[in-house]
């Protein structure tokens, strides 16, 4: 089970690229899940069965998925022929919490993993 949030987890931080960099999971998941979302410092992006890159656009994240694969299945990588950016709006970020809204208006609350 994920640890209980503390007050400092929810204290808002400035919404910056540096605050978003890291490994994130859905707020109810443990960090051992395969569904980790990674915004790497070097601009690499990874999520469940996807890899690509991301860019910071002043409060929004542009994610471009360049390849998909099936976990545990060797040789399953598929390049995306015409990758397109997906924009995510950062609603809030704390030391261990991130709220994103996708283009359909859905809000997802994530927690940071080591």
Protein backbone atom coordinates (compact mmCIF):
# COMPACT_ATOMS: atom_id res chain seq x y z
CA UNK A 1 0.00 0.00 0.00
CA UNK A 2 1.24 3.49 -0.73
CA UNK A 3 2.37 5.55 2.26
CA UNK A 4 -0.06 8.07 3.71
CA UNK A 5 0.48 11.61 2.43
CA UNK A 6 1.96 14.16 4.79
CA UNK A 7 1.22 17.89 4.88
CA UNK A 8 4.49 18.65 3.07
CA UNK A 9 3.47 16.36 0.19
CA UNK A 10 0.67 18.75 -0.64
CA UNK A 11 2.43 22.08 -0.07
CA UNK A 12 2.50 23.70 -3.49
CA UNK A 13 5.76 24.22 -5.32
CA UNK A 14 6.33 26.58 -8.21
CA UNK A 15 5.13 24.92 -11.40
CA UNK A 16 8.46 24.48 -13.17
CA UNK A 17 10.18 21.89 -15.33
CA UNK A 18 12.48 20.90 -12.45
CA UNK A 19 9.49 20.19 -10.17
CA UNK A 20 7.99 17.81 -12.76
CA UNK A 21 11.16 15.81 -13.51
CA UNK A 22 11.00 12.39 -11.91
CA UNK A 23 9.14 9.09 -11.63
CA UNK A 24 5.39 9.23 -10.93
CA UNK A 25 2.56 6.74 -10.37
CA UNK A 26 -1.20 7.10 -9.93
CA UNK A 27 -1.84 8.33 -6.39
CA UNK A 28 -3.34 4.97 -5.33
CA UNK A 29 -0.56 2.79 -6.76
CA UNK A 30 2.67 1.59 -5.21
CA UNK A 31 5.99 2.39 -6.86
CA UNK A 32 6.54 -1.28 -7.84
CA UNK A 33 3.85 -1.04 -10.53
CA UNK A 34 4.70 -1.29 -14.24
CA UNK A 35 2.64 1.86 -14.78
CA UNK A 36 5.35 4.34 -13.79
CA UNK A 37 5.38 7.63 -15.69
CA UNK A 38 8.90 9.04 -16.17
CA UNK A 39 9.79 12.61 -17.09
CA UNK A 40 13.60 12.33 -17.25
CA UNK A 41 15.89 15.33 -16.86
CA UNK A 42 17.32 14.72 -20.36
CA UNK A 43 13.85 14.91 -21.97
CA UNK A 44 13.23 11.16 -22.24
CA UNK A 45 9.69 10.00 -21.48
CA UNK A 46 8.47 6.53 -20.53
CA UNK A 47 5.10 5.18 -19.50
CA UNK A 48 3.40 1.79 -19.53
CA UNK A 49 4.52 0.17 -22.81
CA UNK A 50 5.55 3.53 -24.35
CA UNK A 51 8.75 5.49 -24.80
CA UNK A 52 9.41 8.86 -26.33
CA UNK A 53 10.32 12.36 -25.24
CA UNK A 54 8.83 15.36 -23.48
CA UNK A 55 9.25 19.13 -23.51
CA UNK A 56 8.31 21.80 -20.99
CA UNK A 57 6.04 24.50 -22.42
CA UNK A 58 5.52 27.02 -19.60
CA UNK A 59 3.09 25.10 -17.40
CA UNK A 60 2.30 22.40 -19.94
CA UNK A 61 4.07 19.19 -20.90
CA UNK A 62 4.26 18.10 -24.53
CA UNK A 63 4.72 14.32 -24.70
CA UNK A 64 5.62 12.58 -27.96
CA UNK A 65 5.38 8.77 -27.89
CA UNK A 66 7.86 7.44 -30.45
CA UNK A 67 7.72 3.68 -29.76
CA UNK A 68 5.38 1.19 -28.13
CA UNK A 69 6.14 -2.31 -26.89
CA UNK A 70 4.64 -5.19 -24.94
CA UNK A 71 6.18 -5.72 -21.50
CA UNK A 72 8.18 -8.93 -21.32
CA UNK A 73 7.87 -9.65 -25.03
CA UNK A 74 11.22 -9.49 -26.81
CA UNK A 75 11.12 -7.91 -30.27
CA UNK A 76 7.76 -6.23 -29.69
CA UNK A 77 8.99 -2.65 -30.18
CA UNK A 78 7.03 -0.72 -32.79
CA UNK A 79 8.01 2.74 -34.02
CA UNK A 80 5.16 5.23 -34.36
CA UNK A 81 5.06 6.26 -38.04
CA UNK A 82 3.79 9.80 -37.42
CA UNK A 83 4.25 10.67 -33.74
CA UNK A 84 2.15 13.57 -32.49
CA UNK A 85 2.51 15.66 -29.33
CA UNK A 86 -0.02 15.25 -26.55
CA UNK A 87 -0.34 18.28 -24.27
CA UNK A 88 -0.82 17.88 -20.53
CA UNK A 89 -1.54 20.91 -18.34
CA UNK A 90 0.15 20.96 -14.94
CA UNK A 91 -2.51 22.02 -12.44
CA UNK A 92 -0.35 21.73 -9.33
CA UNK A 93 2.84 20.16 -8.12
CA UNK A 94 4.13 19.42 -4.63
CA UNK A 95 7.19 17.61 -3.34
CA UNK A 96 5.46 14.26 -3.83
CA UNK A 97 2.27 15.07 -5.75
CA UNK A 98 1.51 16.15 -9.32
CA UNK A 99 -1.86 16.95 -10.86
CA UNK A 100 -2.19 16.87 -14.65
CA UNK A 101 -5.13 17.55 -16.96
CA UNK A 102 -5.20 15.94 -20.39
CA UNK A 103 -6.78 17.37 -23.55
CA UNK A 104 -10.09 15.69 -22.72
CA UNK A 105 -10.30 17.55 -19.40
CA UNK A 106 -9.54 14.48 -17.26
CA UNK A 107 -7.49 15.24 -14.14
CA UNK A 108 -4.96 12.69 -12.91
CA UNK A 109 -3.29 12.92 -9.51
CA UNK A 110 0.14 11.29 -9.32
CA UNK A 111 2.63 10.70 -6.53
CA UNK A 112 6.41 10.75 -6.79
CA UNK A 113 8.47 7.57 -6.56
CA UNK A 114 12.18 7.28 -5.77
